[in-house]
Amino acid sequence: MKYFFLSEGWIVGRVWEFGGLWDETSRRRKPYIKRLNLGMVERGQVLWLHEVEEAVIMVEVMPTPDVTNPGPFGKVILSRLLSGEQVVDCLGKADGVVKVHS
């Protein structure tokens, strides 16, 4: 698995695999992307951990239309997805860790 952190109010847009954009028709399914119940606090903002399958190489993220102040960015391409080891390192350096019990 690969991972990335995403701020509250941001969503996943397009997804890329090795051959280009994820092709739901040929794969017969959407890419596996799941928000986990674990996040980190950075500068007072919670960044939620997301898990993606190995075939995913890049993810486009954008603010939801109802976000009042998304900042200077409309869309961002995440091209450096994290390994599990890198996630543990990020969590260890974070201002705080948030865990939602389900």
N, C-alpha and C. Protein backbone atom coordinates (compact mmCIF):
# COMPACT_ATOMS: atom_id res chain seq x y z
N MET A 1 0.83 -1.18 0.00
CA MET A 1 0.00 0.00 0.00
C MET A 1 0.87 1.25 0.00
N LYS A 2 0.27 2.34 -0.47
CA LYS A 2 0.90 3.65 -0.44
C LYS A 2 -0.06 4.57 0.33
N TYR A 3 0.46 5.72 0.75
CA TYR A 3 -0.32 6.59 1.61
C TYR A 3 -0.10 8.06 1.25
N PHE A 4 -1.07 8.90 1.66
CA PHE A 4 -0.90 10.34 1.58
C PHE A 4 -1.79 10.98 2.64
N PHE A 5 -1.45 12.20 3.02
CA PHE A 5 -2.24 12.96 3.98
C PHE A 5 -3.02 14.01 3.21
N LEU A 6 -4.26 14.24 3.64
CA LEU A 6 -5.13 15.20 2.95
C LEU A 6 -5.90 16.01 3.99
N SER A 7 -5.91 17.31 3.81
CA SER A 7 -6.58 18.22 4.72
C SER A 7 -8.10 18.05 4.66
N GLU A 8 -8.75 18.32 5.77
CA GLU A 8 -10.21 18.32 5.84
C GLU A 8 -10.74 19.30 4.79
N GLY A 9 -11.76 18.92 4.06
CA GLY A 9 -12.34 19.79 3.04
C GLY A 9 -11.72 19.62 1.66
N TRP A 10 -10.79 18.71 1.51
CA TRP A 10 -10.18 18.42 0.21
C TRP A 10 -10.61 17.02 -0.22
N ILE A 11 -10.74 16.82 -1.52
CA ILE A 11 -11.19 15.54 -2.08
C ILE A 11 -10.24 15.08 -3.17
N VAL A 12 -10.35 13.81 -3.52
CA VAL A 12 -9.53 13.23 -4.57
C VAL A 12 -10.22 13.45 -5.92
N GLY A 13 -9.45 13.87 -6.91
CA GLY A 13 -9.95 14.05 -8.27
C GLY A 13 -9.47 12.90 -9.14
N ARG A 14 -8.63 13.23 -10.10
CA ARG A 14 -8.12 12.20 -11.02
C ARG A 14 -7.02 11.38 -10.36
N VAL A 15 -6.84 10.16 -10.87
CA VAL A 15 -5.85 9.23 -10.34
C VAL A 15 -5.06 8.67 -11.52
N TRP A 16 -3.74 8.56 -11.35
CA TRP A 16 -2.88 8.02 -12.39
C TRP A 16 -2.28 6.69 -11.98
N GLU A 17 -2.14 5.82 -12.98
CA GLU A 17 -1.42 4.56 -12.82
C GLU A 17 -0.24 4.62 -13.78
N PHE A 18 0.52 3.55 -13.91
CA PHE A 18 1.74 3.55 -14.72
C PHE A 18 1.49 3.97 -16.16
N GLY A 19 0.41 3.55 -16.79
CA GLY A 19 0.14 3.84 -18.19
C GLY A 19 -0.56 5.17 -18.43
N GLY A 20 -0.88 5.92 -17.41
CA GLY A 20 -1.59 7.19 -17.57
C GLY A 20 -2.74 7.29 -16.59
N LEU A 21 -3.78 8.03 -16.98
CA LEU A 21 -4.95 8.16 -16.10
C LEU A 21 -5.57 6.80 -15.82
N TRP A 22 -6.08 6.63 -14.62
CA TRP A 22 -6.74 5.38 -14.22
C TRP A 22 -7.91 5.14 -15.17
N ASP A 23 -7.95 3.97 -15.76
CA ASP A 23 -9.01 3.62 -16.72
C ASP A 23 -9.99 2.65 -16.07
N GLU A 24 -11.11 3.19 -15.60
CA GLU A 24 -12.11 2.37 -14.92
C GLU A 24 -12.74 1.35 -15.86
N THR A 25 -12.80 1.67 -17.16
CA THR A 25 -13.39 0.75 -18.13
C THR A 25 -12.54 -0.50 -18.28
N SER A 26 -11.25 -0.34 -18.50
CA SER A 26 -10.40 -1.52 -18.69
C SER A 26 -10.16 -2.27 -17.38
N ARG A 27 -10.07 -1.55 -16.28
CA ARG A 27 -9.85 -2.20 -14.98
C ARG A 27 -11.15 -2.71 -14.36
N ARG A 28 -12.27 -2.19 -14.83
CA ARG A 28 -13.61 -2.57 -14.35
C ARG A 28 -13.85 -2.21 -12.89
N ARG A 29 -13.17 -1.19 -12.42
CA ARG A 29 -13.35 -0.74 -11.04
C ARG A 29 -12.64 0.59 -10.84
N LYS A 30 -13.03 1.26 -9.77
CA LYS A 30 -12.35 2.49 -9.36
C LYS A 30 -11.08 2.10 -8.60
N PRO A 31 -10.12 3.01 -8.52
CA PRO A 31 -8.93 2.70 -7.72
C PRO A 31 -9.30 2.61 -6.24
N TYR A 32 -8.58 1.78 -5.51
CA TYR A 32 -8.81 1.65 -4.08
C TYR A 32 -8.16 2.86 -3.38
N ILE A 33 -8.98 3.70 -2.80
CA ILE A 33 -8.53 4.85 -2.01
C ILE A 33 -9.43 4.91 -0.79
N LYS A 34 -8.83 4.91 0.39
CA LYS A 34 -9.64 4.89 1.61
C LYS A 34 -9.05 5.85 2.64
N ARG A 35 -9.91 6.70 3.19
CA ARG A 35 -9.48 7.56 4.30
C ARG A 35 -9.47 6.71 5.56
N LEU A 36 -8.37 6.72 6.25
CA LEU A 36 -8.23 5.96 7.48
C LEU A 36 -8.64 6.83 8.67
N ASN A 37 -8.85 6.22 9.80
CA ASN A 37 -9.28 6.93 11.01
C ASN A 37 -8.09 7.45 11.81
N LEU A 38 -7.08 7.90 11.09
CA LEU A 38 -5.86 8.39 11.73
C LEU A 38 -5.40 9.64 11.00
N GLY A 39 -5.03 10.64 11.75
CA GLY A 39 -4.56 11.88 11.15
C GLY A 39 -3.49 12.51 11.99
N MET A 40 -2.87 13.54 11.43
CA MET A 40 -1.86 14.28 12.18
C MET A 40 -2.24 15.76 12.18
N VAL A 41 -1.80 16.44 13.22
CA VAL A 41 -2.06 17.87 13.35
C VAL A 41 -0.79 18.61 12.96
N GLU A 42 -0.93 19.52 12.00
CA GLU A 42 0.17 20.37 11.55
C GLU A 42 -0.33 21.80 11.53
N ARG A 43 0.30 22.68 12.28
CA ARG A 43 -0.08 24.10 12.34
C ARG A 43 -1.57 24.27 12.64
N GLY A 44 -2.09 23.46 13.53
CA GLY A 44 -3.48 23.56 13.94
C GLY A 44 -4.49 22.96 12.98
N GLN A 45 -4.02 22.32 11.93
CA GLN A 45 -4.91 21.72 10.93
C GLN A 45 -4.74 20.21 10.93
N VAL A 46 -5.88 19.48 10.85
CA VAL A 46 -5.82 18.02 10.81
C VAL A 46 -5.65 17.55 9.37
N LEU A 47 -4.65 16.72 9.15
CA LEU A 47 -4.42 16.08 7.85
C LEU A 47 -4.72 14.60 8.02
N TRP A 48 -5.72 14.11 7.28
CA TRP A 48 -6.16 12.72 7.43
C TRP A 48 -5.34 11.81 6.54
N LEU A 49 -5.00 10.65 7.06
CA LEU A 49 -4.22 9.65 6.33
C LEU A 49 -5.13 8.88 5.38
N HIS A 50 -4.70 8.75 4.13
CA HIS A 50 -5.42 7.99 3.11
C HIS A 50 -4.52 6.86 2.61
N GLU A 51 -5.13 5.74 2.33
CA GLU A 51 -4.43 4.55 1.84
C GLU A 51 -4.83 4.33 0.38
N VAL A 52 -3.85 4.04 -0.48
CA VAL A 52 -4.13 3.74 -1.89
C VAL A 52 -3.39 2.47 -2.29
N GLU A 53 -3.89 1.83 -3.32
CA GLU A 53 -3.25 0.60 -3.77
C GLU A 53 -1.92 0.89 -4.49
N GLU A 54 -1.09 -0.11 -4.60
CA GLU A 54 0.24 0.02 -5.19
C GLU A 54 0.23 0.53 -6.63
N ALA A 55 -0.80 0.20 -7.40
CA ALA A 55 -0.85 0.58 -8.81
C ALA A 55 -0.98 2.10 -9.00
N VAL A 56 -1.42 2.82 -7.98
CA VAL A 56 -1.58 4.27 -8.07
C VAL A 56 -0.22 4.94 -7.95
N ILE A 57 0.09 5.84 -8.91
CA ILE A 57 1.37 6.55 -8.84
C ILE A 57 1.22 8.04 -8.55
N MET A 58 0.05 8.63 -8.89
CA MET A 58 -0.20 10.05 -8.61
C MET A 58 -1.69 10.26 -8.33
N VAL A 59 -1.98 11.27 -7.51
CA VAL A 59 -3.36 11.58 -7.15
C VAL A 59 -3.55 13.09 -7.24
N GLU A 60 -4.61 13.51 -7.91
CA GLU A 60 -4.98 14.93 -7.94
C GLU A 60 -5.95 15.19 -6.79
N VAL A 61 -5.70 16.24 -6.02
CA VAL A 61 -6.60 16.61 -4.93
C VAL A 61 -7.01 18.06 -5.11
N MET A 62 -8.21 18.38 -4.60
CA MET A 62 -8.74 19.74 -4.74
C MET A 62 -9.69 20.02 -3.59
N PRO A 63 -9.90 21.31 -3.29
CA PRO A 63 -10.86 21.63 -2.23
C PRO A 63 -12.28 21.36 -2.70
N THR A 64 -13.14 20.97 -1.78
CA THR A 64 -14.56 20.80 -2.11
C THR A 64 -15.12 22.19 -2.41
N PRO A 65 -16.17 22.26 -3.21
CA PRO A 65 -16.73 23.57 -3.56
C PRO A 65 -17.19 24.41 -2.36
N ASP A 66 -17.51 23.78 -1.25
CA ASP A 66 -18.01 24.52 -0.10
C ASP A 66 -16.92 25.04 0.83
N VAL A 67 -15.65 24.78 0.51
CA VAL A 67 -14.56 25.28 1.34
C VAL A 67 -14.45 26.79 1.14
N THR A 68 -14.53 27.55 2.23
CA THR A 68 -14.57 29.01 2.14
C THR A 68 -13.20 29.62 1.82
N ASN A 69 -12.13 29.04 2.32
CA ASN A 69 -10.81 29.60 2.06
C ASN A 69 -9.83 28.47 1.75
N PRO A 70 -9.81 27.98 0.50
CA PRO A 70 -8.94 26.85 0.17
C PRO A 70 -7.47 27.21 0.07
N GLY A 71 -7.15 28.50 0.14
CA GLY A 71 -5.77 28.93 -0.02
C GLY A 71 -5.50 29.24 -1.49
N PRO A 72 -4.22 29.36 -1.85
CA PRO A 72 -3.89 29.78 -3.21
C PRO A 72 -3.99 28.68 -4.26
N PHE A 73 -4.28 27.46 -3.86
CA PHE A 73 -4.25 26.34 -4.80
C PHE A 73 -5.66 25.89 -5.16
N GLY A 74 -5.90 25.65 -6.45
CA GLY A 74 -7.17 25.10 -6.90
C GLY A 74 -7.11 23.59 -6.96
N LYS A 75 -6.00 23.08 -7.48
CA LYS A 75 -5.78 21.63 -7.57
C LYS A 75 -4.30 21.37 -7.31
N VAL A 76 -4.02 20.21 -6.75
CA VAL A 76 -2.64 19.82 -6.47
C VAL A 76 -2.47 18.37 -6.90
N ILE A 77 -1.33 18.07 -7.53
CA ILE A 77 -1.00 16.70 -7.91
C ILE A 77 -0.01 16.15 -6.89
N LEU A 78 -0.40 15.06 -6.22
CA LEU A 78 0.50 14.39 -5.28
C LEU A 78 1.24 13.30 -6.03
N SER A 79 2.52 13.52 -6.28
CA SER A 79 3.28 12.55 -7.06
C SER A 79 4.26 11.75 -6.21
N ARG A 80 4.40 12.11 -4.95
CA ARG A 80 5.28 11.36 -4.05
C ARG A 80 4.44 10.76 -2.94
N LEU A 81 3.88 9.62 -3.22
CA LEU A 81 3.08 8.93 -2.21
C LEU A 81 4.02 8.30 -1.19
N LEU A 82 3.54 8.11 0.00
CA LEU A 82 4.37 7.67 1.12
C LEU A 82 4.30 6.16 1.34
N SER A 83 5.39 5.62 1.85
CA SER A 83 5.41 4.23 2.31
C SER A 83 4.92 4.22 3.76
N GLY A 84 4.64 3.05 4.28
CA GLY A 84 4.24 2.92 5.67
C GLY A 84 5.29 3.48 6.63
N GLU A 85 6.54 3.25 6.32
CA GLU A 85 7.65 3.74 7.15
C GLU A 85 7.68 5.27 7.16
N GLN A 86 7.45 5.88 6.01
CA GLN A 86 7.42 7.34 5.94
C GLN A 86 6.24 7.92 6.72
N VAL A 87 5.11 7.23 6.71
CA VAL A 87 3.93 7.67 7.47
C VAL A 87 4.26 7.68 8.96
N VAL A 88 4.89 6.63 9.45
CA VAL A 88 5.26 6.56 10.87
C VAL A 88 6.19 7.71 11.22
N ASP A 89 7.12 8.02 10.33
CA ASP A 89 8.05 9.13 10.55
C ASP A 89 7.29 10.46 10.62
N CYS A 90 6.35 10.68 9.70
CA CYS A 90 5.54 11.91 9.69
C CYS A 90 4.73 12.04 10.98
N LEU A 91 4.11 10.95 11.40
CA LEU A 91 3.30 10.97 12.61
C LEU A 91 4.15 11.28 13.84
N GLY A 92 5.38 10.76 13.83
CA GLY A 92 6.29 11.01 14.95
C GLY A 92 6.73 12.45 15.04
N LYS A 93 6.78 13.16 13.92
CA LYS A 93 7.21 14.56 13.89
C LYS A 93 6.05 15.55 13.95
N ALA A 94 4.83 15.06 13.91
CA ALA A 94 3.65 15.94 13.87
C ALA A 94 3.44 16.66 15.20
N ASP A 95 2.71 17.77 15.13
CA ASP A 95 2.35 18.51 16.34
C ASP A 95 1.43 17.68 17.23
N GLY A 96 0.66 16.78 16.63
CA GLY A 96 -0.24 15.92 17.36
C GLY A 96 -0.79 14.84 16.44
N VAL A 97 -1.39 13.82 17.02
CA VAL A 97 -1.98 12.72 16.27
C VAL A 97 -3.45 12.61 16.66
N VAL A 98 -4.31 12.38 15.68
CA VAL A 98 -5.74 12.25 15.91
C VAL A 98 -6.15 10.85 15.49
N LYS A 99 -6.90 10.16 16.35
CA LYS A 99 -7.41 8.84 16.02
C LYS A 99 -8.90 8.82 16.31
N VAL A 100 -9.67 8.41 15.33
CA VAL A 100 -11.12 8.31 15.49
C VAL A 100 -11.44 6.85 15.76
N HIS A 101 -12.11 6.59 16.84
CA HIS A 101 -12.51 5.22 17.17
C HIS A 101 -13.84 4.94 16.50
N SER A 102 -13.89 3.87 15.72
CA SER A 102 -15.15 3.55 15.04
C SER A 102 -15.77 2.29 15.57
